[in-house]
Structure formats: structure tokens, C-alpha cells
Amino acid sequence: MYNGNGNGGYNGNGGNGGYTNVGGFRIKPIYLYVAGIIALIVAIYFVMGFLQTSLVMHFGAFVGALLIIANLRELIGMSSSQRGSTALLNLLVGGGLICAWLAEAFLGRLLWIPAVLLVGIATPLIVGRANVYRTYLTTARGAIDGLRRTVMK
């Protein structure tokens, strides 16, 4: 039976023309099915990546998380004059381990770049801790001051 609005008669959806209301938007059910299938494929991709990653990489991610958690509190809690570079060194290495795990497990080879950069930045801290640490802090403060001046204009 034709009801005058171009949708035919009753369609089982309460007379709303074959649309489903989601968050106040009218969406055709086929789009919901397509979105569900895409979400399922993405979830399978992440689970497969997680399962195919070696146990060594999972162990590295766990160690990286421990390094970040333990040293972030230490780095934030100390005053600038008391800080040694060991906490910063451990944070950089932990961040590198987490990025390497993410690159191997989920996000592809592109995330190896920040992993290598973080470990590369951490390497000079091993040799001359005080001088390199001071240089890193001076560079970071200069970058933040430059950013403030640029944004405040």
C-alpha cells in the first residue's frame, strides 16, 4: 500500500522509511552492517597482530611500561637541580621499547622510526650524563619558549 511519502506502506520499522535512528541521525541499516563488518575486520587484524608478535616483543613492552611508570614519577617528583639523567634515560628507553612493540604488533614498520629515535636520544646520556642532560633541558626550554613567543603573538 502506498502511503504518499514515497516509501511504500508499513515496513516493520515503525513507519520510518527503512532508516534506523542512531544518536538522533537516520541511517540506513546497510550502512550499519558495513560499519560492523569493517569494525570486525579491524578487530581481527589487531588480534592477529597481537598473536603473531613474538613473546620477546611482549616482554619488551612489559619492561618498557615498567620503566616508564617507575621513572616518570621520579622525574616529575624531583626538582630540576636534583635530577639525574638516569630517570630520563630509562624513560627514553622505555618509550623506545613501547614504540617497537607497537610497530611489531599493530601499526607497522613506520613506528620503528620513533623507537630508534628515542633510543638514539638516550644513548648519549650513558656517556656524559650531567652535560648531556643539561643540554637536553636547555634545548627543551628553548623550544618551549620559542613556541610560547610564536603562539602569544
C-alpha atoms as a PDB file:
ATOM      1  CA  MET A   1       0.000   0.000   0.000  1.00  0.00           C
ATOM      2  CA  TYR A   2       1.349   3.451  -0.919  1.00  0.00           C
ATOM      3  CA  ASN A   3       1.219   5.994   1.912  1.00  0.00           C
ATOM      4  CA  GLY A   4       2.120   9.122  -0.053  1.00  0.00           C
ATOM      5  CA  ASN A   5       5.695   9.717   1.139  1.00  0.00           C
ATOM      6  CA  GLY A   6       7.446   7.572  -1.458  1.00  0.00           C
ATOM      7  CA  ASN A   7       8.350   4.792   0.964  1.00  0.00           C
ATOM      8  CA  GLY A   8       5.501   2.376   0.351  1.00  0.00           C
ATOM      9  CA  GLY A   9       3.449   1.108   3.259  1.00  0.00           C
ATOM     10  CA  TYR A  10       4.429  -0.289   6.590  1.00  0.00           C
ATOM     11  CA  ASN A  11       7.989  -1.658   6.534  1.00  0.00           C
ATOM     12  CA  GLY A  12       8.418  -3.068  10.005  1.00  0.00           C
ATOM     13  CA  ASN A  13      10.472  -0.117  11.299  1.00  0.00           C
ATOM     14  CA  GLY A  14       7.583   1.779  12.769  1.00  0.00           C
ATOM     15  CA  GLY A  15       6.936   3.666   9.553  1.00  0.00           C
ATOM     16  CA  ASN A  16      10.286   5.486   9.449  1.00  0.00           C
ATOM     17  CA  GLY A  17      11.070   4.564   5.841  1.00  0.00           C
ATOM     18  CA  GLY A  18      13.691   1.835   6.408  1.00  0.00           C
ATOM     19  CA  TYR A  19      16.019   4.028   8.456  1.00  0.00           C
ATOM     20  CA  THR A  20      17.425   3.344  11.904  1.00  0.00           C
ATOM     21  CA  ASN A  21      17.880   6.178  14.373  1.00  0.00           C
ATOM     22  CA  VAL A  22      21.369   6.247  15.851  1.00  0.00           C
ATOM     23  CA  GLY A  23      22.178   9.156  18.113  1.00  0.00           C
ATOM     24  CA  GLY A  24      19.464  11.265  16.518  1.00  0.00           C
ATOM     25  CA  PHE A  25      20.645  10.534  12.964  1.00  0.00           C
ATOM     26  CA  ARG A  26      18.665   8.485  10.471  1.00  0.00           C
ATOM     27  CA  ILE A  27      20.917   5.818   8.950  1.00  0.00           C
ATOM     28  CA  LYS A  28      20.072   3.044   6.533  1.00  0.00           C
ATOM     29  CA  PRO A  29      20.653  -0.409   8.075  1.00  0.00           C
ATOM     30  CA  ILE A  30      23.006  -1.441   5.244  1.00  0.00           C
ATOM     31  CA  TYR A  31      25.477   1.246   6.378  1.00  0.00           C
ATOM     32  CA  LEU A  32      25.351  -0.130   9.908  1.00  0.00           C
ATOM     33  CA  TYR A  33      26.084  -3.612   8.595  1.00  0.00           C
ATOM     34  CA  VAL A  34      29.016  -2.330   6.526  1.00  0.00           C
ATOM     35  CA  ALA A  35      30.406  -0.406   9.519  1.00  0.00           C
ATOM     36  CA  GLY A  36      30.047  -3.526  11.683  1.00  0.00           C
ATOM     37  CA  ILE A  37      31.895  -5.664   9.150  1.00  0.00           C
ATOM     38  CA  ILE A  38      34.704  -3.098   8.876  1.00  0.00           C
ATOM     39  CA  ALA A  39      34.983  -2.911  12.683  1.00  0.00           C
ATOM     40  CA  LEU A  40      35.144  -6.713  12.846  1.00  0.00           C
ATOM     41  CA  ILE A  41      37.908  -6.851  10.219  1.00  0.00           C
ATOM     42  CA  VAL A  42      39.926  -4.184  12.078  1.00  0.00           C
ATOM     43  CA  ALA A  43      39.488  -6.070  15.365  1.00  0.00           C
ATOM     44  CA  ILE A  44      40.628  -9.321  13.739  1.00  0.00           C
ATOM     45  CA  TYR A  45      43.659  -7.507  12.285  1.00  0.00           C
ATOM     46  CA  PHE A  46      44.679  -6.225  15.740  1.00  0.00           C
ATOM     47  CA  VAL A  47      44.151  -9.603  17.417  1.00  0.00           C
ATOM     48  CA  MET A  48      46.159 -11.389  14.699  1.00  0.00           C
ATOM     49  CA  GLY A  49      48.951  -8.838  15.012  1.00  0.00           C
ATOM     50  CA  PHE A  50      48.977  -9.316  18.774  1.00  0.00           C
ATOM     51  CA  LEU A  51      49.080 -13.101  18.469  1.00  0.00           C
ATOM     52  CA  GLN A  52      51.782 -13.128  15.784  1.00  0.00           C
ATOM     53  CA  THR A  53      54.127 -10.888  17.745  1.00  0.00           C
ATOM     54  CA  SER A  54      56.827 -12.859  19.456  1.00  0.00           C
ATOM     55  CA  LEU A  55      56.948 -13.364  23.201  1.00  0.00           C
ATOM     56  CA  VAL A  56      60.184 -11.372  23.270  1.00  0.00           C
ATOM     57  CA  MET A  57      58.386  -8.283  21.952  1.00  0.00           C
ATOM     58  CA  HIS A  58      55.598  -8.656  24.539  1.00  0.00           C
ATOM     59  CA  PHE A  59      58.256  -8.968  27.253  1.00  0.00           C
ATOM     60  CA  GLY A  60      59.966  -5.842  25.897  1.00  0.00           C
ATOM     61  CA  ALA A  61      56.688  -3.931  26.000  1.00  0.00           C
ATOM     62  CA  PHE A  62      56.129  -5.004  29.606  1.00  0.00           C
ATOM     63  CA  VAL A  63      59.650  -3.926  30.585  1.00  0.00           C
ATOM     64  CA  GLY A  64      59.170  -0.626  28.733  1.00  0.00           C
ATOM     65  CA  ALA A  65      55.927   0.034  30.592  1.00  0.00           C
ATOM     66  CA  LEU A  66      57.653  -0.708  33.915  1.00  0.00           C
ATOM     67  CA  LEU A  67      60.491   1.678  33.054  1.00  0.00           C
ATOM     68  CA  ILE A  68      58.069   4.440  32.119  1.00  0.00           C
ATOM     69  CA  ILE A  69      55.851   4.004  35.180  1.00  0.00           C
ATOM     70  CA  ALA A  70      58.731   3.808  37.662  1.00  0.00           C
ATOM     71  CA  ASN A  71      60.801   6.659  36.271  1.00  0.00           C
ATOM     72  CA  LEU A  72      58.090   9.117  35.286  1.00  0.00           C
ATOM     73  CA  ARG A  73      57.113   9.534  38.917  1.00  0.00           C
ATOM     74  CA  GLU A  74      60.771  10.038  39.841  1.00  0.00           C
ATOM     75  CA  LEU A  75      61.393  12.521  37.029  1.00  0.00           C
ATOM     76  CA  ILE A  76      58.307  14.595  37.881  1.00  0.00           C
ATOM     77  CA  GLY A  77      58.854  14.447  41.653  1.00  0.00           C
ATOM     78  CA  MET A  78      62.385  15.801  41.801  1.00  0.00           C
ATOM     79  CA  SER A  79      63.357  19.416  41.495  1.00  0.00           C
ATOM     80  CA  SER A  80      65.367  20.488  38.474  1.00  0.00           C
ATOM     81  CA  SER A  81      68.618  20.785  40.415  1.00  0.00           C
ATOM     82  CA  GLN A  82      68.356  17.299  41.987  1.00  0.00           C
ATOM     83  CA  ARG A  83      67.513  15.423  38.818  1.00  0.00           C
ATOM     84  CA  GLY A  84      69.953  12.970  37.421  1.00  0.00           C
ATOM     85  CA  SER A  85      69.716  11.720  33.889  1.00  0.00           C
ATOM     86  CA  THR A  86      69.041   8.109  34.844  1.00  0.00           C
ATOM     87  CA  ALA A  87      65.273   8.667  35.060  1.00  0.00           C
ATOM     88  CA  LEU A  88      65.258  10.414  31.683  1.00  0.00           C
ATOM     89  CA  LEU A  89      67.436   7.672  30.201  1.00  0.00           C
ATOM     90  CA  ASN A  90      65.039   4.995  31.458  1.00  0.00           C
ATOM     91  CA  LEU A  91      62.005   6.912  30.169  1.00  0.00           C
ATOM     92  CA  LEU A  92      63.515   7.213  26.703  1.00  0.00           C
ATOM     93  CA  VAL A  93      64.478   3.542  26.584  1.00  0.00           C
ATOM     94  CA  GLY A  94      61.019   2.510  27.858  1.00  0.00           C
ATOM     95  CA  GLY A  95      59.358   4.694  25.233  1.00  0.00           C
ATOM     96  CA  GLY A  96      61.552   3.109  22.567  1.00  0.00           C
ATOM     97  CA  LEU A  97      60.547  -0.378  23.712  1.00  0.00           C
ATOM     98  CA  ILE A  98      56.839   0.508  23.661  1.00  0.00           C
ATOM     99  CA  CYS A  99      57.130   2.041  20.167  1.00  0.00           C
ATOM    100  CA  ALA A 100      58.989  -1.042  18.927  1.00  0.00           C
ATOM    101  CA  TRP A 101      56.268  -3.309  20.319  1.00  0.00           C
ATOM    102  CA  LEU A 102      53.512  -1.203  18.743  1.00  0.00           C
ATOM    103  CA  ALA A 103      55.358  -1.258  15.418  1.00  0.00           C
ATOM    104  CA  GLU A 104      55.756  -5.016  15.519  1.00  0.00           C
ATOM    105  CA  ALA A 105      52.316  -5.889  16.880  1.00  0.00           C
ATOM    106  CA  PHE A 106      49.894  -3.413  15.349  1.00  0.00           C
ATOM    107  CA  LEU A 107      50.947  -0.320  13.476  1.00  0.00           C
ATOM    108  CA  GLY A 108      53.556  -1.471  11.007  1.00  0.00           C
ATOM    109  CA  ARG A 109      57.112  -0.537  10.330  1.00  0.00           C
ATOM    110  CA  LEU A 110      56.585   3.219  10.407  1.00  0.00           C
ATOM    111  CA  LEU A 111      56.605   3.256  14.216  1.00  0.00           C
ATOM    112  CA  TRP A 112      60.151   1.894  14.229  1.00  0.00           C
ATOM    113  CA  ILE A 113      61.312   5.448  13.425  1.00  0.00           C
ATOM    114  CA  PRO A 114      60.311   6.951  16.813  1.00  0.00           C
ATOM    115  CA  ALA A 115      61.580   3.808  18.556  1.00  0.00           C
ATOM    116  CA  VAL A 116      65.049   4.229  17.053  1.00  0.00           C
ATOM    117  CA  LEU A 117      64.987   7.999  17.636  1.00  0.00           C
ATOM    118  CA  LEU A 118      64.120   7.599  21.329  1.00  0.00           C
ATOM    119  CA  VAL A 119      66.916   5.098  21.883  1.00  0.00           C
ATOM    120  CA  GLY A 120      69.264   7.280  19.808  1.00  0.00           C
ATOM    121  CA  ILE A 121      68.479  10.285  22.005  1.00  0.00           C
ATOM    122  CA  ALA A 122      69.020   8.137  25.110  1.00  0.00           C
ATOM    123  CA  THR A 123      72.422   6.828  24.003  1.00  0.00           C
ATOM    124  CA  PRO A 124      74.480   9.997  24.744  1.00  0.00           C
ATOM    125  CA  LEU A 125      73.028  10.056  28.263  1.00  0.00           C
ATOM    126  CA  ILE A 126      75.048   6.928  29.042  1.00  0.00           C
ATOM    127  CA  VAL A 127      78.388   8.634  28.433  1.00  0.00           C
ATOM    128  CA  GLY A 128      78.172  12.192  29.765  1.00  0.00           C
ATOM    129  CA  ARG A 129      75.114  12.223  31.932  1.00  0.00           C
ATOM    130  CA  ALA A 130      75.270  15.664  33.527  1.00  0.00           C
ATOM    131  CA  ASN A 131      76.369  17.605  30.447  1.00  0.00           C
ATOM    132  CA  VAL A 132      74.018  15.861  28.027  1.00  0.00           C
ATOM    133  CA  TYR A 133      71.131  16.126  30.461  1.00  0.00           C
ATOM    134  CA  ARG A 134      71.749  19.855  30.888  1.00  0.00           C
ATOM    135  CA  THR A 135      71.914  20.263  27.100  1.00  0.00           C
ATOM    136  CA  TYR A 136      68.613  18.386  26.675  1.00  0.00           C
ATOM    137  CA  LEU A 137      66.920  20.568  29.300  1.00  0.00           C
ATOM    138  CA  THR A 138      68.290  23.781  27.775  1.00  0.00           C
ATOM    139  CA  THR A 139      67.131  22.712  24.297  1.00  0.00           C
ATOM    140  CA  ALA A 140      63.666  21.750  25.563  1.00  0.00           C
ATOM    141  CA  ARG A 141      63.257  25.021  27.461  1.00  0.00           C
ATOM    142  CA  GLY A 142      64.389  26.999  24.405  1.00  0.00           C
ATOM    143  CA  ALA A 143      61.911  25.153  22.196  1.00  0.00           C
ATOM    144  CA  ILE A 144      59.074  25.772  24.651  1.00  0.00           C
ATOM    145  CA  ASP A 145      59.975  29.467  24.974  1.00  0.00           C
ATOM    146  CA  GLY A 146      60.099  29.810  21.180  1.00  0.00           C
ATOM    147  CA  LEU A 147      56.717  28.105  20.900  1.00  0.00           C
ATOM    148  CA  ARG A 148      55.246  30.418  23.548  1.00  0.00           C
ATOM    149  CA  ARG A 149      56.541  33.503  21.746  1.00  0.00           C
ATOM    150  CA  THR A 150      55.109  32.238  18.464  1.00  0.00           C
ATOM    151  CA  VAL A 151      51.705  31.411  19.926  1.00  0.00           C
ATOM    152  CA  MET A 152      51.424  34.579  22.032  1.00  0.00           C
ATOM    153  CA  LYS A 153      51.927  36.932  19.053  1.00  0.00           C
END
